[in-house]
Amino acid sequence: PAWTMTAPEQPDATPTPTPASEPTPEVTPEASASASPSP
């Protein structure tokens, strides 16, 4: 989920690569909510 990827890179941990099958989310939670159709 986009809201779980807001942490900065930690110096000691290995950086998190994005698997090829996983597109990196490019929207913030706010943008996602605003783009949602009216229920």
Full PDB file with SEQRES, HELIX, SHEET, SSBOND, CRYST1, ORIGX, SCALE, CONECT and MASTER records, all heavy atoms in Angstrom:
SEQRES   1 A   39  PRO ALA TRP THR MET THR ALA PRO GLU GLN PRO ASP ALA          
SEQRES   2 A   39  THR PRO THR PRO THR PRO ALA SER GLU PRO THR PRO GLU          
SEQRES   3 A   39  VAL THR PRO GLU ALA SER ALA SER ALA SER PRO SER PRO          
HELIX    1 AA1 ALA A    2  THR A    4  5                                   3    
HELIX    2 AA2 PRO A   29  ALA A   35  1                                   7    
CRYST1    1.000    1.000    1.000  90.00  90.00  90.00 P 1           1          
ORIGX1      1.000000  0.000000  0.000000        0.00000                         
ORIGX2      0.000000  1.000000  0.000000        0.00000                         
ORIGX3      0.000000  0.000000  1.000000        0.00000                         
SCALE1      1.000000  0.000000  0.000000        0.00000                         
SCALE2      0.000000  1.000000  0.000000        0.00000                         
SCALE3      0.000000  0.000000  1.000000        0.00000                         
ATOM      1  N   PRO A   1       0.833  -1.211   0.000  1.00  0.00           N  
ATOM      2  CA  PRO A   1       0.000   0.000   0.000  1.00  0.00           C  
ATOM      3  C   PRO A   1       0.863   1.254   0.000  1.00  0.00           C  
ATOM      4  O   PRO A   1       1.945   1.293   0.592  1.00  0.00           O  
ATOM      5  CB  PRO A   1      -0.798  -0.125   1.298  1.00  0.00           C  
ATOM      6  CG  PRO A   1      -0.750  -1.572   1.661  1.00  0.00           C  
ATOM      7  CD  PRO A   1       0.556  -2.076   1.165  1.00  0.00           C  
ATOM      8  N   ALA A   2       0.400   2.294  -0.662  1.00  0.00           N  
ATOM      9  CA  ALA A   2       1.178   3.527  -0.785  1.00  0.00           C  
ATOM     10  C   ALA A   2       1.482   4.141   0.570  1.00  0.00           C  
ATOM     11  O   ALA A   2       2.551   4.715   0.777  1.00  0.00           O  
ATOM     12  CB  ALA A   2       0.421   4.527  -1.665  1.00  0.00           C  
ATOM     13  N   TRP A   3       0.531   4.006   1.524  1.00  0.00           N  
ATOM     14  CA  TRP A   3       0.751   4.629   2.830  1.00  0.00           C  
ATOM     15  C   TRP A   3       1.833   3.922   3.651  1.00  0.00           C  
ATOM     16  O   TRP A   3       2.249   4.423   4.683  1.00  0.00           O  
ATOM     17  CB  TRP A   3      -0.549   4.677   3.619  1.00  0.00           C  
ATOM     18  CG  TRP A   3      -1.164   3.325   3.870  1.00  0.00           C  
ATOM     19  CD1 TRP A   3      -0.832   2.429   4.835  1.00  0.00           C  
ATOM     20  CD2 TRP A   3      -2.224   2.720   3.132  1.00  0.00           C  
ATOM     21  NE1 TRP A   3      -1.588   1.297   4.749  1.00  0.00           N  
ATOM     22  CE2 TRP A   3      -2.474   1.445   3.718  1.00  0.00           C  
ATOM     23  CE3 TRP A   3      -2.995   3.120   2.037  1.00  0.00           C  
ATOM     24  CZ2 TRP A   3      -3.448   0.592   3.236  1.00  0.00           C  
ATOM     25  CZ3 TRP A   3      -3.984   2.266   1.567  1.00  0.00           C  
ATOM     26  CH2 TRP A   3      -4.201   1.015   2.160  1.00  0.00           C  
ATOM     27  N   THR A   4       2.288   2.751   3.199  1.00  0.00           N  
ATOM     28  CA  THR A   4       3.335   2.028   3.937  1.00  0.00           C  
ATOM     29  C   THR A   4       4.719   2.254   3.346  1.00  0.00           C  
ATOM     30  O   THR A   4       5.687   1.658   3.822  1.00  0.00           O  
ATOM     31  CB  THR A   4       3.047   0.519   3.925  1.00  0.00           C  
ATOM     32  OG1 THR A   4       3.191   0.020   2.582  1.00  0.00           O  
ATOM     33  CG2 THR A   4       1.654   0.223   4.430  1.00  0.00           C  
ATOM     34  N   MET A   5       4.845   3.119   2.330  1.00  0.00           N  
ATOM     35  CA  MET A   5       6.129   3.320   1.659  1.00  0.00           C  
ATOM     36  C   MET A   5       6.639   4.748   1.851  1.00  0.00           C  
ATOM     37  O   MET A   5       7.383   5.266   1.043  1.00  0.00           O  
ATOM     38  CB  MET A   5       5.995   3.029   0.161  1.00  0.00           C  
ATOM     39  CG  MET A   5       5.554   1.605  -0.129  1.00  0.00           C  
ATOM     40  SD  MET A   5       5.318   1.311  -1.891  1.00  0.00           S  
ATOM     41  CE  MET A   5       6.977   1.523  -2.491  1.00  0.00           C  
ATOM     42  N   THR A   6       6.255   5.393   2.953  1.00  0.00           N  
ATOM     43  CA  THR A   6       6.647   6.779   3.183  1.00  0.00           C  
ATOM     44  C   THR A   6       7.922   6.892   3.990  1.00  0.00           C  
ATOM     45  O   THR A   6       8.434   7.978   4.214  1.00  0.00           O  
ATOM     46  CB  THR A   6       5.528   7.529   3.921  1.00  0.00           C  
ATOM     47  OG1 THR A   6       5.247   6.840   5.151  1.00  0.00           O  
ATOM     48  CG2 THR A   6       4.274   7.585   3.069  1.00  0.00           C  
ATOM     49  N   ALA A   7       8.463   5.759   4.496  1.00  0.00           N  
ATOM     50  CA  ALA A   7       9.668   5.832   5.324  1.00  0.00           C  
ATOM     51  C   ALA A   7      10.881   6.138   4.472  1.00  0.00           C  
ATOM     52  O   ALA A   7      11.027   5.638   3.357  1.00  0.00           O  
ATOM     53  CB  ALA A   7       9.879   4.512   6.066  1.00  0.00           C  
ATOM     54  N   PRO A   8      11.811   6.947   5.006  1.00  0.00           N  
ATOM     55  CA  PRO A   8      13.052   7.192   4.269  1.00  0.00           C  
ATOM     56  C   PRO A   8      13.924   5.944   4.258  1.00  0.00           C  
ATOM     57  O   PRO A   8      13.745   5.030   5.045  1.00  0.00           O  
ATOM     58  CB  PRO A   8      13.708   8.316   5.081  1.00  0.00           C  
ATOM     59  CG  PRO A   8      13.171   8.142   6.474  1.00  0.00           C  
ATOM     60  CD  PRO A   8      11.768   7.643   6.304  1.00  0.00           C  
ATOM     61  N   GLU A   9      14.884   5.931   3.360  1.00  0.00           N  
ATOM     62  CA  GLU A   9      15.809   4.801   3.295  1.00  0.00           C  
ATOM     63  C   GLU A   9      16.591   4.717   4.597  1.00  0.00           C  
ATOM     64  O   GLU A   9      17.096   5.717   5.094  1.00  0.00           O  
ATOM     65  CB  GLU A   9      16.776   4.989   2.125  1.00  0.00           C  
ATOM     66  CG  GLU A   9      16.110   4.917   0.766  1.00  0.00           C  
ATOM     67  CD  GLU A   9      15.688   3.517   0.407  1.00  0.00           C  
ATOM     68  OE1 GLU A   9      16.260   2.569   0.979  1.00  0.00           O  
ATOM     69  OE2 GLU A   9      14.796   3.360  -0.429  1.00  0.00           O  
ATOM     70  N   GLN A  10      16.661   3.533   5.180  1.00  0.00           N  
ATOM     71  CA  GLN A  10      17.445   3.398   6.395  1.00  0.00           C  
ATOM     72  C   GLN A  10      18.891   3.069   6.034  1.00  0.00           C  
ATOM     73  O   GLN A  10      19.158   2.322   5.103  1.00  0.00           O  
ATOM     74  CB  GLN A  10      16.856   2.322   7.303  1.00  0.00           C  
ATOM     75  CG  GLN A  10      16.437   1.063   6.585  1.00  0.00           C  
ATOM     76  CD  GLN A  10      15.737   0.126   7.523  1.00  0.00           C  
ATOM     77  OE1 GLN A  10      15.541   0.437   8.686  1.00  0.00           O  
ATOM     78  NE2 GLN A  10      15.397  -1.037   7.046  1.00  0.00           N  
ATOM     79  N   PRO A  11      19.861   3.641   6.744  1.00  0.00           N  
ATOM     80  CA  PRO A  11      21.260   3.493   6.334  1.00  0.00           C  
ATOM     81  C   PRO A  11      21.792   2.079   6.414  1.00  0.00           C  
ATOM     82  O   PRO A  11      22.649   1.702   5.630  1.00  0.00           O  
ATOM     83  CB  PRO A  11      21.999   4.409   7.330  1.00  0.00           C  
ATOM     84  CG  PRO A  11      21.072   4.537   8.501  1.00  0.00           C  
ATOM     85  CD  PRO A  11      19.714   4.466   7.944  1.00  0.00           C  
ATOM     86  N   ASP A  12      21.301   1.286   7.366  1.00  0.00           N  
ATOM     87  CA  ASP A  12      21.891  -0.034   7.582  1.00  0.00           C  
ATOM     88  C   ASP A  12      21.164  -1.138   6.832  1.00  0.00           C  
ATOM     89  O   ASP A  12      21.672  -2.237   6.694  1.00  0.00           O  
ATOM     90  CB  ASP A  12      21.906  -0.363   9.076  1.00  0.00           C  
ATOM     91  CG  ASP A  12      22.794   0.595   9.832  1.00  0.00           C  
ATOM     92  OD1 ASP A  12      23.755   1.097   9.213  1.00  0.00           O  
ATOM     93  OD2 ASP A  12      22.521   0.835  11.012  1.00  0.00           O  
ATOM     94  N   ALA A  13      19.922  -0.884   6.454  1.00  0.00           N  
ATOM     95  CA  ALA A  13      19.138  -1.937   5.810  1.00  0.00           C  
ATOM     96  C   ALA A  13      19.330  -1.882   4.302  1.00  0.00           C  
ATOM     97  O   ALA A  13      19.584  -0.832   3.717  1.00  0.00           O  
ATOM     98  CB  ALA A  13      17.659  -1.777   6.159  1.00  0.00           C  
ATOM     99  N   THR A  14      19.191  -3.001   3.677  1.00  0.00           N  
ATOM    100  CA  THR A  14      19.325  -3.059   2.225  1.00  0.00           C  
ATOM    101  C   THR A  14      18.188  -2.302   1.574  1.00  0.00           C  
ATOM    102  O   THR A  14      17.036  -2.462   1.961  1.00  0.00           O  
ATOM    103  CB  THR A  14      19.298  -4.526   1.772  1.00  0.00           C  
ATOM    104  OG1 THR A  14      20.336  -5.209   2.454  1.00  0.00           O  
ATOM    105  CG2 THR A  14      19.500  -4.634   0.275  1.00  0.00           C  
ATOM    106  N   PRO A  15      18.442  -1.469   0.583  1.00  0.00           N  
ATOM    107  CA  PRO A  15      17.365  -0.746  -0.086  1.00  0.00           C  
ATOM    108  C   PRO A  15      16.355  -1.709  -0.673  1.00  0.00           C  
ATOM    109  O   PRO A  15      16.686  -2.824  -1.081  1.00  0.00           O  
ATOM    110  CB  PRO A  15      18.085   0.055  -1.187  1.00  0.00           C  
ATOM    111  CG  PRO A  15      19.514   0.127  -0.738  1.00  0.00           C  
ATOM    112  CD  PRO A  15      19.774  -1.104   0.040  1.00  0.00           C  
ATOM    113  N   THR A  16      15.124  -1.244  -0.747  1.00  0.00           N  
ATOM    114  CA  THR A  16      14.035  -2.087  -1.211  1.00  0.00           C  
ATOM    115  C   THR A  16      13.875  -1.970  -2.714  1.00  0.00           C  
ATOM    116  O   THR A  16      13.467  -0.928  -3.217  1.00  0.00           O  
ATOM    117  CB  THR A  16      12.719  -1.679  -0.536  1.00  0.00           C  
ATOM    118  OG1 THR A  16      12.923  -1.704   0.862  1.00  0.00           O  
ATOM    119  CG2 THR A  16      11.601  -2.609  -0.905  1.00  0.00           C  
ATOM    120  N   PRO A  17      14.207  -3.012  -3.459  1.00  0.00           N  
ATOM    121  CA  PRO A  17      13.947  -2.951  -4.899  1.00  0.00           C  
ATOM    122  C   PRO A  17      12.494  -3.275  -5.183  1.00  0.00           C  
ATOM    123  O   PRO A  17      11.842  -3.949  -4.405  1.00  0.00           O  
ATOM    124  CB  PRO A  17      14.875  -4.030  -5.456  1.00  0.00           C  
ATOM    125  CG  PRO A  17      14.953  -5.036  -4.362  1.00  0.00           C  
ATOM    126  CD  PRO A  17      14.858  -4.262  -3.076  1.00  0.00           C  
ATOM    127  N   THR A  18      12.019  -2.804  -6.293  1.00  0.00           N  
ATOM    128  CA  THR A  18      10.652  -3.107  -6.702  1.00  0.00           C  
ATOM    129  C   THR A  18      10.695  -4.241  -7.706  1.00  0.00           C  
ATOM    130  O   THR A  18      11.349  -4.126  -8.744  1.00  0.00           O  
ATOM    131  CB  THR A  18       9.992  -1.875  -7.339  1.00  0.00           C  
ATOM    132  OG1 THR A  18      10.033  -0.826  -6.387  1.00  0.00           O  
ATOM    133  CG2 THR A  18       8.556  -2.160  -7.718  1.00  0.00           C  
ATOM    134  N   PRO A  19      10.068  -5.396  -7.429  1.00  0.00           N  
ATOM    135  CA  PRO A  19      10.094  -6.500  -8.383  1.00  0.00           C  
ATOM    136  C   PRO A  19       9.544  -6.065  -9.728  1.00  0.00           C  
ATOM    137  O   PRO A  19       8.715  -5.159  -9.825  1.00  0.00           O  
ATOM    138  CB  PRO A  19       9.201  -7.565  -7.718  1.00  0.00           C  
ATOM    139  CG  PRO A  19       9.229  -7.198  -6.261  1.00  0.00           C  
ATOM    140  CD  PRO A  19       9.376  -5.716  -6.213  1.00  0.00           C  
ATOM    141  N   ALA A  20       9.989  -6.756 -10.771  1.00  0.00           N  
ATOM    142  CA  ALA A  20       9.575  -6.371 -12.119  1.00  0.00           C  
ATOM    143  C   ALA A  20       8.083  -6.462 -12.297  1.00  0.00           C  
ATOM    144  O   ALA A  20       7.486  -5.718 -13.063  1.00  0.00           O  
ATOM    145  CB  ALA A  20      10.298  -7.268 -13.146  1.00  0.00           C  
ATOM    146  N   SER A  21       7.470  -7.377 -11.596  1.00  0.00           N  
ATOM    147  CA  SER A  21       6.030  -7.550 -11.752  1.00  0.00           C  
ATOM    148  C   SER A  21       5.224  -6.573 -10.933  1.00  0.00           C  
ATOM    149  O   SER A  21       4.017  -6.605 -10.965  1.00  0.00           O  
ATOM    150  CB  SER A  21       5.632  -8.978 -11.350  1.00  0.00           C  
ATOM    151  OG  SER A  21       5.996  -9.205  -9.997  1.00  0.00           O  
ATOM    152  N   GLU A  22       5.918  -5.708 -10.186  1.00  0.00           N  
ATOM    153  CA  GLU A  22       5.202  -4.802  -9.294  1.00  0.00           C  
ATOM    154  C   GLU A  22       5.443  -3.359  -9.714  1.00  0.00           C  
ATOM    155  O   GLU A  22       6.514  -2.812  -9.494  1.00  0.00           O  
ATOM    156  CB  GLU A  22       5.662  -4.985  -7.848  1.00  0.00           C  
ATOM    157  CG  GLU A  22       5.477  -6.386  -7.330  1.00  0.00           C  
ATOM    158  CD  GLU A  22       6.044  -6.515  -5.945  1.00  0.00           C  
ATOM    159  OE1 GLU A  22       6.340  -5.493  -5.318  1.00  0.00           O  
ATOM    160  OE2 GLU A  22       6.212  -7.654  -5.486  1.00  0.00           O  
ATOM    161  N   PRO A  23       4.492  -2.682 -10.319  1.00  0.00           N  
ATOM    162  CA  PRO A  23       4.666  -1.272 -10.649  1.00  0.00           C  
ATOM    163  C   PRO A  23       4.709  -0.442  -9.382  1.00  0.00           C  
ATOM    164  O   PRO A  23       3.938  -0.646  -8.462  1.00  0.00           O  
ATOM    165  CB  PRO A  23       3.412  -0.939 -11.478  1.00  0.00           C  
ATOM    166  CG  PRO A  23       2.407  -1.960 -11.058  1.00  0.00           C  
ATOM    167  CD  PRO A  23       3.191  -3.191 -10.726  1.00  0.00           C  
ATOM    168  N   THR A  24       5.666   0.491  -9.355  1.00  0.00           N  
ATOM    169  CA  THR A  24       5.800   1.336  -8.175  1.00  0.00           C  
ATOM    170  C   THR A  24       4.657   2.336  -8.106  1.00  0.00           C  
ATOM    171  O   THR A  24       4.374   3.024  -9.082  1.00  0.00           O  
ATOM    172  CB  THR A  24       7.128   2.098  -8.227  1.00  0.00           C  
ATOM    173  OG1 THR A  24       8.174   1.142  -8.319  1.00  0.00           O  
ATOM    174  CG2 THR A  24       7.307   2.961  -6.987  1.00  0.00           C  
ATOM    175  N   PRO A  25       3.960   2.432  -6.959  1.00  0.00           N  
ATOM    176  CA  PRO A  25       2.878   3.407  -6.868  1.00  0.00           C  
ATOM    177  C   PRO A  25       3.430   4.813  -7.026  1.00  0.00           C  
ATOM    178  O   PRO A  25       4.449   5.170  -6.442  1.00  0.00           O  
ATOM    179  CB  PRO A  25       2.326   3.182  -5.455  1.00  0.00           C  
ATOM    180  CG  PRO A  25       2.850   1.848  -5.041  1.00  0.00           C  
ATOM    181  CD  PRO A  25       4.131   1.658  -5.753  1.00  0.00           C  
ATOM    182  N   GLU A  26       2.759   5.609  -7.843  1.00  0.00           N  
ATOM    183  CA  GLU A  26       3.195   6.967  -8.080  1.00  0.00           C  
ATOM    184  C   GLU A  26       2.214   7.985  -7.519  1.00  0.00           C  
ATOM    185  O   GLU A  26       2.374   9.182  -7.748  1.00  0.00           O  
ATOM    186  CB  GLU A  26       3.366   7.204  -9.584  1.00  0.00           C  
ATOM    187  CG  GLU A  26       4.436   6.308 -10.215  1.00  0.00           C  
ATOM    188  CD  GLU A  26       4.565   6.549 -11.700  1.00  0.00           C  
ATOM    189  OE1 GLU A  26       3.760   7.335 -12.228  1.00  0.00           O  
ATOM    190  OE2 GLU A  26       5.458   5.961 -12.318  1.00  0.00           O  
ATOM    191  N   VAL A  27       1.198   7.540  -6.804  1.00  0.00           N  
ATOM    192  CA  VAL A  27       0.210   8.466  -6.271  1.00  0.00           C  
ATOM    193  C   VAL A  27       0.272   8.415  -4.767  1.00  0.00           C  
ATOM    194  O   VAL A  27       0.579   7.396  -4.166  1.00  0.00           O  
ATOM    195  CB  VAL A  27      -1.213   8.108  -6.767  1.00  0.00           C  
ATOM    196  CG1 VAL A  27      -1.310   8.300  -8.248  1.00  0.00           C  
ATOM    197  CG2 VAL A  27      -1.559   6.674  -6.403  1.00  0.00           C  
ATOM    198  N   THR A  28       0.021   9.547  -4.194  1.00  0.00           N  
ATOM    199  CA  THR A  28      -0.069   9.623  -2.741  1.00  0.00           C  
ATOM    200  C   THR A  28      -1.434   9.151  -2.316  1.00  0.00           C  
ATOM    201  O   THR A  28      -2.362   9.078  -3.128  1.00  0.00           O  
ATOM    202  CB  THR A  28       0.146  11.068  -2.282  1.00  0.00           C  
ATOM    203  OG1 THR A  28      -0.903  11.864  -2.808  1.00  0.00           O  
ATOM    204  CG2 THR A  28       1.489  11.586  -2.755  1.00  0.00           C  
ATOM    205  N   PRO A  29      -1.600   8.843  -1.020  1.00  0.00           N  
ATOM    206  CA  PRO A  29      -2.928   8.459  -0.559  1.00  0.00           C  
ATOM    207  C   PRO A  29      -3.961   9.532  -0.842  1.00  0.00           C  
ATOM    208  O   PRO A  29      -5.099   9.248  -1.175  1.00  0.00           O  
ATOM    209  CB  PRO A  29      -2.710   8.246   0.943  1.00  0.00           C  
ATOM    210  CG  PRO A  29      -1.264   7.921   1.064  1.00  0.00           C  
ATOM    211  CD  PRO A  29      -0.580   8.701   0.004  1.00  0.00           C  
ATOM    212  N   GLU A  30      -3.536  10.817  -0.741  1.00  0.00           N  
ATOM    213  CA  GLU A  30      -4.503  11.883  -0.977  1.00  0.00           C  
ATOM    214  C   GLU A  30      -4.953  11.898  -2.434  1.00  0.00           C  
ATOM    215  O   GLU A  30      -6.130  12.041  -2.753  1.00  0.00           O  
ATOM    216  CB  GLU A  30      -3.883  13.235  -0.599  1.00  0.00           C  
ATOM    217  CG  GLU A  30      -3.583  13.385   0.886  1.00  0.00           C  
ATOM    218  CD  GLU A  30      -2.291  12.708   1.280  1.00  0.00           C  
ATOM    219  OE1 GLU A  30      -1.585  12.200   0.400  1.00  0.00           O  
ATOM    220  OE2 GLU A  30      -1.992  12.692   2.482  1.00  0.00           O  
ATOM    221  N   ALA A  31      -3.959  11.731  -3.345  1.00  0.00           N  
ATOM    222  CA  ALA A  31      -4.313  11.745  -4.759  1.00  0.00           C  
ATOM    223  C   ALA A  31      -5.179  10.564  -5.118  1.00  0.00           C  
ATOM    224  O   ALA A  31      -6.111  10.662  -5.910  1.00  0.00           O  
ATOM    225  CB  ALA A  31      -3.041  11.745  -5.613  1.00  0.00           C  
ATOM    226  N   SER A  32      -4.869   9.417  -4.522  1.00  0.00           N  
ATOM    227  CA  SER A  32      -5.673   8.229  -4.790  1.00  0.00           C  
ATOM    228  C   SER A  32      -7.095   8.429  -4.343  1.00  0.00           C  
ATOM    229  O   SER A  32      -8.033   8.040  -5.013  1.00  0.00           O  
ATOM    230  CB  SER A  32      -5.056   7.023  -4.090  1.00  0.00           C  
ATOM    231  OG  SER A  32      -5.846   5.892  -4.273  1.00  0.00           O  
ATOM    232  N   ALA A  33      -7.260   9.048  -3.169  1.00  0.00           N  
ATOM    233  CA  ALA A  33      -8.619   9.266  -2.662  1.00  0.00           C  
ATOM    234  C   ALA A  33      -9.372  10.227  -3.548  1.00  0.00           C  
ATOM    235  O   ALA A  33     -10.564  10.065  -3.822  1.00  0.00           O  
ATOM    236  CB  ALA A  33      -8.556   9.785  -1.228  1.00  0.00           C  
ATOM    237  N   SER A  34      -8.677  11.308  -4.033  1.00  0.00           N  
ATOM    238  CA  SER A  34      -9.373  12.293  -4.844  1.00  0.00           C  
ATOM    239  C   SER A  34      -9.740  11.738  -6.206  1.00  0.00           C  
ATOM    240  O   SER A  34     -10.686  12.188  -6.845  1.00  0.00           O  
ATOM    241  CB  SER A  34      -8.483  13.530  -5.012  1.00  0.00           C  
ATOM    242  OG  SER A  34      -7.290  13.182  -5.695  1.00  0.00           O  
ATOM    243  N   ALA A  35      -8.970  10.750  -6.661  1.00  0.00           N  
ATOM    244  CA  ALA A  35      -9.267  10.173  -7.965  1.00  0.00           C  
ATOM    245  C   ALA A  35     -10.322   9.097  -7.911  1.00  0.00           C  
ATOM    246  O   ALA A  35     -10.768   8.616  -8.931  1.00  0.00           O  
ATOM    247  CB  ALA A  35      -7.980   9.593  -8.576  1.00  0.00           C  
ATOM    248  N   SER A  36     -10.712   8.697  -6.730  1.00  0.00           N  
ATOM    249  CA  SER A  36     -11.687   7.622  -6.601  1.00  0.00           C  
ATOM    250  C   SER A  36     -13.044   8.098  -7.072  1.00  0.00           C  
ATOM    251  O   SER A  36     -13.467   9.208  -6.759  1.00  0.00           O  
ATOM    252  CB  SER A  36     -11.764   7.163  -5.147  1.00  0.00           C  
ATOM    253  OG  SER A  36     -10.509   6.727  -4.725  1.00  0.00           O  
ATOM    254  N   PRO A  37     -13.772   7.278  -7.799  1.00  0.00           N  
ATOM    255  CA  PRO A  37     -15.118   7.666  -8.207  1.00  0.00           C  
ATOM    256  C   PRO A  37     -16.042   7.705  -7.014  1.00  0.00           C  
ATOM    257  O   PRO A  37     -15.805   7.050  -6.007  1.00  0.00           O  
ATOM    258  CB  PRO A  37     -15.505   6.547  -9.189  1.00  0.00           C  
ATOM    259  CG  PRO A  37     -14.670   5.378  -8.773  1.00  0.00           C  
ATOM    260  CD  PRO A  37     -13.384   5.963  -8.293  1.00  0.00           C  
ATOM    261  N   SER A  38     -17.094   8.458  -7.121  1.00  0.00           N  
ATOM    262  CA  SER A  38     -18.067   8.558  -6.033  1.00  0.00           C  
ATOM    263  C   SER A  38     -18.726   7.210  -5.842  1.00  0.00           C  
ATOM    264  O   SER A  38     -19.143   6.566  -6.809  1.00  0.00           O  
ATOM    265  CB  SER A  38     -19.128   9.618  -6.360  1.00  0.00           C  
ATOM    266  OG  SER A  38     -18.509  10.872  -6.535  1.00  0.00           O  
ATOM    267  N   PRO A  39     -18.835   6.748  -4.636  1.00  0.00           N  
ATOM    268  CA  PRO A  39     -19.434   5.439  -4.411  1.00  0.00           C  
ATOM    269  C   PRO A  39     -20.913   5.457  -4.739  1.00  0.00           C  
ATOM    270  O   PRO A  39     -21.580   6.489  -4.636  1.00  0.00           O  
ATOM    271  CB  PRO A  39     -19.197   5.203  -2.912  1.00  0.00           C  
ATOM    272  CG  PRO A  39     -19.059   6.568  -2.332  1.00  0.00           C  
ATOM    273  CD  PRO A  39     -18.433   7.399  -3.383  1.00  0.00           C  
TER     274      PRO A  39                                                      
MASTER        0    0    0    2    0    0    0    6  273    1    0    3          
END                                                                             
